[in-house]
Amino acid sequence: MPDVAIQEYDEGALYAELLAGVRGQVLEIGAGTGVSFVRAGRVEQLPVPTGSFDVVVISRVLCSVKDVSGALAELRRVLRPGGELRFYEHIRSGRPGLARTQRALDLIWPLVTGGCHLARRTEAALAAHGLRITDARHFDLLVAGRVTPASPCVIGRAVRHG
C-alpha cells in the first residue's frame, strides 16, 4: 500500500500542484460546472486530432465516465508520443476496510452522485493503456475534517509510450 497523507481540502493548492510546469499545447478535461471550459464534449470522443497535445490534464474525471477503457484510449490518442497526462482523481483505498466499504457503496453511490464510482483502480488502468506513471502522491482528502469513502486520492503524472 502506498504511503497516504492526510490533506485538508484546498482546491487552489491541488490545482497549482497539478498544473505546475505545464507548457505547450494543453488539453484540460474536468467534471463540474464547466466554468473553466469553452467546449463541451465527452472524454470518450474528443473532437481533436490525434497526437495534438503535449499535455492532457484530467481532474476528477475517471471516477464518473461510463467507459474508463474508452476514455483512456482516447486520452492516449490525443497525446503526442512522449506527451504527459496530469491526473487528480479519487481512487480505491489501499486500506482493506475502506476499500470494502467503497465497493459496497458503489452499488448505490453512482446513482446519487452523477455516475461517480468510489472504487476504481485508476493507476492500474493508466498503466494498462500505455501510460507510464512517473510521479504519484496518494492522500486522503478530508471533507469537513473527516475521511469519507471519497477521500482516497492520487495526484500525479504519466507519460505516453510511443
C-alpha atoms as a PDB file:
ATOM      1  CA  MET A   1       0.000   0.000   0.000  1.00  0.00           C
ATOM      2  CA  PRO A   2       1.403   3.446  -0.887  1.00  0.00           C
ATOM      3  CA  ASP A   3       2.010   5.950   1.882  1.00  0.00           C
ATOM      4  CA  VAL A   4      -1.081   8.044   2.466  1.00  0.00           C
ATOM      5  CA  ALA A   5      -1.014  11.538   3.903  1.00  0.00           C
ATOM      6  CA  ILE A   6      -3.983  13.496   5.172  1.00  0.00           C
ATOM      7  CA  GLN A   7      -4.795  16.757   3.437  1.00  0.00           C
ATOM      8  CA  GLU A   8      -7.430  19.362   4.132  1.00  0.00           C
ATOM      9  CA  TYR A   9      -9.383  20.340   1.038  1.00  0.00           C
ATOM     10  CA  ASP A  10      -7.680  23.259  -0.701  1.00  0.00           C
ATOM     11  CA  GLU A  11      -8.675  23.270  -4.347  1.00  0.00           C
ATOM     12  CA  GLY A  12      -6.267  26.060  -5.251  1.00  0.00           C
ATOM     13  CA  ALA A  13      -3.255  24.211  -3.843  1.00  0.00           C
ATOM     14  CA  LEU A  14      -4.239  20.954  -5.546  1.00  0.00           C
ATOM     15  CA  TYR A  15      -4.632  22.612  -8.942  1.00  0.00           C
ATOM     16  CA  ALA A  16      -1.365  24.507  -8.506  1.00  0.00           C
ATOM     17  CA  GLU A  17       0.350  21.159  -7.892  1.00  0.00           C
ATOM     18  CA  LEU A  18      -1.453  19.510 -10.803  1.00  0.00           C
ATOM     19  CA  LEU A  19      -0.537  22.270 -13.257  1.00  0.00           C
ATOM     20  CA  ALA A  20       2.988  23.123 -12.048  1.00  0.00           C
ATOM     21  CA  GLY A  21       5.336  23.443 -15.021  1.00  0.00           C
ATOM     22  CA  VAL A  22       2.715  22.645 -17.682  1.00  0.00           C
ATOM     23  CA  ARG A  23       3.535  24.139 -21.080  1.00  0.00           C
ATOM     24  CA  GLY A  24       2.991  23.520 -24.757  1.00  0.00           C
ATOM     25  CA  GLN A  25      -0.334  22.503 -26.266  1.00  0.00           C
ATOM     26  CA  VAL A  26      -2.550  21.616 -23.284  1.00  0.00           C
ATOM     27  CA  LEU A  27      -5.968  19.989 -23.161  1.00  0.00           C
ATOM     28  CA  GLU A  28      -7.815  20.215 -19.836  1.00  0.00           C
ATOM     29  CA  ILE A  29     -10.698  17.853 -19.147  1.00  0.00           C
ATOM     30  CA  GLY A  30     -12.729  18.032 -15.984  1.00  0.00           C
ATOM     31  CA  ALA A  31     -16.031  17.456 -14.343  1.00  0.00           C
ATOM     32  CA  GLY A  32     -18.067  20.154 -12.708  1.00  0.00           C
ATOM     33  CA  THR A  33     -19.834  23.325 -13.730  1.00  0.00           C
ATOM     34  CA  GLY A  34     -17.729  23.995 -16.813  1.00  0.00           C
ATOM     35  CA  VAL A  35     -16.712  27.498 -15.752  1.00  0.00           C
ATOM     36  CA  SER A  36     -13.108  26.818 -16.845  1.00  0.00           C
ATOM     37  CA  PHE A  37     -14.035  25.231 -20.141  1.00  0.00           C
ATOM     38  CA  VAL A  38     -15.019  26.634 -23.528  1.00  0.00           C
ATOM     39  CA  ARG A  39     -16.020  23.416 -25.332  1.00  0.00           C
ATOM     40  CA  ALA A  40     -18.489  20.779 -24.195  1.00  0.00           C
ATOM     41  CA  GLY A  41     -17.767  17.168 -25.040  1.00  0.00           C
ATOM     42  CA  ARG A  42     -17.184  13.675 -23.784  1.00  0.00           C
ATOM     43  CA  VAL A  43     -13.779  12.289 -22.929  1.00  0.00           C
ATOM     44  CA  GLU A  44     -14.619   9.087 -24.799  1.00  0.00           C
ATOM     45  CA  GLN A  45     -14.877  11.042 -28.102  1.00  0.00           C
ATOM     46  CA  LEU A  46     -12.690  14.116 -28.183  1.00  0.00           C
ATOM     47  CA  PRO A  47     -13.134  16.338 -31.257  1.00  0.00           C
ATOM     48  CA  VAL A  48      -9.395  16.934 -31.724  1.00  0.00           C
ATOM     49  CA  PRO A  49      -6.695  15.473 -33.981  1.00  0.00           C
ATOM     50  CA  THR A  50      -4.544  12.517 -32.960  1.00  0.00           C
ATOM     51  CA  GLY A  51      -1.293  13.422 -31.214  1.00  0.00           C
ATOM     52  CA  SER A  52      -2.117  17.099 -30.985  1.00  0.00           C
ATOM     53  CA  PHE A  53      -1.326  17.761 -27.301  1.00  0.00           C
ATOM     54  CA  ASP A  54       1.861  17.900 -25.262  1.00  0.00           C
ATOM     55  CA  VAL A  55      -0.098  17.643 -22.010  1.00  0.00           C
ATOM     56  CA  VAL A  56      -3.576  16.444 -21.099  1.00  0.00           C
ATOM     57  CA  VAL A  57      -4.890  17.385 -17.653  1.00  0.00           C
ATOM     58  CA  ILE A  58      -7.738  15.440 -16.052  1.00  0.00           C
ATOM     59  CA  SER A  59      -9.321  16.222 -12.740  1.00  0.00           C
ATOM     60  CA  ARG A  60     -11.995  14.084 -11.106  1.00  0.00           C
ATOM     61  CA  VAL A  61     -12.966  12.602 -14.452  1.00  0.00           C
ATOM     62  CA  LEU A  62     -12.219   8.873 -14.457  1.00  0.00           C
ATOM     63  CA  CYS A  63     -14.469   8.156 -11.470  1.00  0.00           C
ATOM     64  CA  SER A  64     -17.550   9.174 -13.432  1.00  0.00           C
ATOM     65  CA  VAL A  65     -17.028   8.103 -17.036  1.00  0.00           C
ATOM     66  CA  LYS A  66     -19.028   5.089 -18.141  1.00  0.00           C
ATOM     67  CA  ASP A  67     -16.228   3.610 -20.245  1.00  0.00           C
ATOM     68  CA  VAL A  68     -12.872   4.029 -18.479  1.00  0.00           C
ATOM     69  CA  SER A  69     -11.051   1.969 -21.094  1.00  0.00           C
ATOM     70  CA  GLY A  70     -12.503   4.022 -23.948  1.00  0.00           C
ATOM     71  CA  ALA A  71     -11.720   7.278 -22.151  1.00  0.00           C
ATOM     72  CA  LEU A  72      -8.097   6.300 -21.543  1.00  0.00           C
ATOM     73  CA  ALA A  73      -7.663   5.095 -25.116  1.00  0.00           C
ATOM     74  CA  GLU A  74      -8.948   8.473 -26.301  1.00  0.00           C
ATOM     75  CA  LEU A  75      -6.666  10.394 -23.915  1.00  0.00           C
ATOM     76  CA  ARG A  76      -3.700   8.367 -25.162  1.00  0.00           C
ATOM     77  CA  ARG A  77      -4.758   9.035 -28.766  1.00  0.00           C
ATOM     78  CA  VAL A  78      -4.726  12.824 -28.404  1.00  0.00           C
ATOM     79  CA  LEU A  79      -1.368  12.890 -26.586  1.00  0.00           C
ATOM     80  CA  ARG A  80       1.711  13.089 -28.770  1.00  0.00           C
ATOM     81  CA  PRO A  81       4.279  10.278 -28.224  1.00  0.00           C
ATOM     82  CA  GLY A  82       6.131  11.163 -25.033  1.00  0.00           C
ATOM     83  CA  GLY A  83       3.304  13.518 -24.019  1.00  0.00           C
ATOM     84  CA  GLU A  84       2.257  13.820 -20.413  1.00  0.00           C
ATOM     85  CA  LEU A  85      -1.032  13.085 -18.677  1.00  0.00           C
ATOM     86  CA  ARG A  86      -1.557  15.029 -15.433  1.00  0.00           C
ATOM     87  CA  PHE A  87      -4.195  13.468 -13.202  1.00  0.00           C
ATOM     88  CA  TYR A  88      -6.026  14.198  -9.953  1.00  0.00           C
ATOM     89  CA  GLU A  89      -8.595  11.527  -9.118  1.00  0.00           C
ATOM     90  CA  HIS A  90     -10.195   9.863  -6.162  1.00  0.00           C
ATOM     91  CA  ILE A  91      -9.406   6.168  -6.086  1.00  0.00           C
ATOM     92  CA  ARG A  92      -9.959   2.844  -4.361  1.00  0.00           C
ATOM     93  CA  SER A  93      -8.357   2.896  -0.951  1.00  0.00           C
ATOM     94  CA  GLY A  94      -5.295   0.797  -0.217  1.00  0.00           C
ATOM     95  CA  ARG A  95      -6.762   0.105   3.231  1.00  0.00           C
ATOM     96  CA  PRO A  96      -8.806  -3.124   3.050  1.00  0.00           C
ATOM     97  CA  GLY A  97     -11.645  -1.974   5.324  1.00  0.00           C
ATOM     98  CA  LEU A  98     -12.237   1.291   3.484  1.00  0.00           C
ATOM     99  CA  ALA A  99     -11.877  -0.453   0.111  1.00  0.00           C
ATOM    100  CA  ARG A 100     -14.627  -2.926   1.104  1.00  0.00           C
ATOM    101  CA  THR A 101     -16.847  -0.007   2.122  1.00  0.00           C
ATOM    102  CA  GLN A 102     -16.157   1.734  -1.200  1.00  0.00           C
ATOM    103  CA  ARG A 103     -17.016  -1.402  -3.205  1.00  0.00           C
ATOM    104  CA  ALA A 104     -20.261  -1.877  -1.262  1.00  0.00           C
ATOM    105  CA  LEU A 105     -21.264   1.767  -1.658  1.00  0.00           C
ATOM    106  CA  ASP A 106     -20.509   1.610  -5.396  1.00  0.00           C
ATOM    107  CA  LEU A 107     -23.804  -0.262  -5.750  1.00  0.00           C
ATOM    108  CA  ILE A 108     -25.733   2.950  -4.965  1.00  0.00           C
ATOM    109  CA  TRP A 109     -23.199   5.827  -4.918  1.00  0.00           C
ATOM    110  CA  PRO A 110     -23.186   6.372  -8.707  1.00  0.00           C
ATOM    111  CA  LEU A 111     -26.981   6.668  -8.705  1.00  0.00           C
ATOM    112  CA  VAL A 112     -26.925   9.651  -6.342  1.00  0.00           C
ATOM    113  CA  THR A 113     -23.658  11.330  -7.413  1.00  0.00           C
ATOM    114  CA  GLY A 114     -23.965  11.666 -11.173  1.00  0.00           C
ATOM    115  CA  GLY A 115     -22.202   8.409 -12.008  1.00  0.00           C
ATOM    116  CA  CYS A 116     -19.225   8.771  -9.667  1.00  0.00           C
ATOM    117  CA  HIS A 117     -17.611   5.473  -8.631  1.00  0.00           C
ATOM    118  CA  LEU A 118     -15.575   5.175  -5.436  1.00  0.00           C
ATOM    119  CA  ALA A 119     -13.570   2.016  -6.037  1.00  0.00           C
ATOM    120  CA  ARG A 120     -11.846   2.460  -9.383  1.00  0.00           C
ATOM    121  CA  ARG A 121      -8.201   1.444  -9.699  1.00  0.00           C
ATOM    122  CA  THR A 122      -7.042   4.436 -11.677  1.00  0.00           C
ATOM    123  CA  GLU A 123      -3.294   3.806 -11.655  1.00  0.00           C
ATOM    124  CA  ALA A 124      -3.676   0.226 -12.889  1.00  0.00           C
ATOM    125  CA  ALA A 125      -5.992   1.453 -15.655  1.00  0.00           C
ATOM    126  CA  LEU A 126      -3.474   4.104 -16.739  1.00  0.00           C
ATOM    127  CA  ALA A 127      -0.695   1.520 -16.943  1.00  0.00           C
ATOM    128  CA  ALA A 128      -2.916  -0.875 -18.898  1.00  0.00           C
ATOM    129  CA  HIS A 129      -3.402   1.827 -21.554  1.00  0.00           C
ATOM    130  CA  GLY A 130       0.250   2.559 -22.284  1.00  0.00           C
ATOM    131  CA  LEU A 131       0.684   5.406 -19.803  1.00  0.00           C
ATOM    132  CA  ARG A 132       3.757   5.070 -17.577  1.00  0.00           C
ATOM    133  CA  ILE A 133       3.268   6.748 -14.205  1.00  0.00           C
ATOM    134  CA  THR A 134       6.315   8.859 -13.406  1.00  0.00           C
ATOM    135  CA  ASP A 135       5.044  10.560 -10.265  1.00  0.00           C
ATOM    136  CA  ALA A 136       2.112   9.903  -7.921  1.00  0.00           C
ATOM    137  CA  ARG A 137       1.196  11.212  -4.494  1.00  0.00           C
ATOM    138  CA  HIS A 138      -1.540   9.490  -2.507  1.00  0.00           C
ATOM    139  CA  PHE A 139      -3.553  11.270   0.145  1.00  0.00           C
ATOM    140  CA  ASP A 140      -6.867  11.248   1.965  1.00  0.00           C
ATOM    141  CA  LEU A 141      -8.725  14.437   1.186  1.00  0.00           C
ATOM    142  CA  LEU A 142     -10.632  15.393   4.296  1.00  0.00           C
ATOM    143  CA  VAL A 143     -14.183  16.638   3.924  1.00  0.00           C
ATOM    144  CA  ALA A 144     -15.331  18.714   6.900  1.00  0.00           C
ATOM    145  CA  GLY A 145     -12.316  17.367   8.779  1.00  0.00           C
ATOM    146  CA  ARG A 146     -13.210  13.718   8.201  1.00  0.00           C
ATOM    147  CA  VAL A 147     -12.219  10.843   5.935  1.00  0.00           C
ATOM    148  CA  THR A 148     -15.111   9.797   3.706  1.00  0.00           C
ATOM    149  CA  PRO A 149     -15.447   6.974   1.158  1.00  0.00           C
ATOM    150  CA  ALA A 150     -14.414   9.533  -1.500  1.00  0.00           C
ATOM    151  CA  SER A 151     -11.337  10.727   0.422  1.00  0.00           C
ATOM    152  CA  PRO A 152      -8.614   8.446  -1.049  1.00  0.00           C
ATOM    153  CA  CYS A 153      -6.985  10.428  -3.875  1.00  0.00           C
ATOM    154  CA  VAL A 154      -3.980  10.413  -6.141  1.00  0.00           C
ATOM    155  CA  ILE A 155      -2.350  13.299  -7.964  1.00  0.00           C
ATOM    156  CA  GLY A 156       0.413  12.632 -10.443  1.00  0.00           C
ATOM    157  CA  ARG A 157       1.876  12.405 -13.917  1.00  0.00           C
ATOM    158  CA  ALA A 158       2.092   9.719 -16.555  1.00  0.00           C
ATOM    159  CA  VAL A 159       3.871   9.658 -19.921  1.00  0.00           C
ATOM    160  CA  ARG A 160       2.543   8.159 -23.134  1.00  0.00           C
ATOM    161  CA  HIS A 161       4.682   5.336 -24.511  1.00  0.00           C
ATOM    162  CA  GLY A 162       5.492   5.571 -28.220  1.00  0.00           C
END
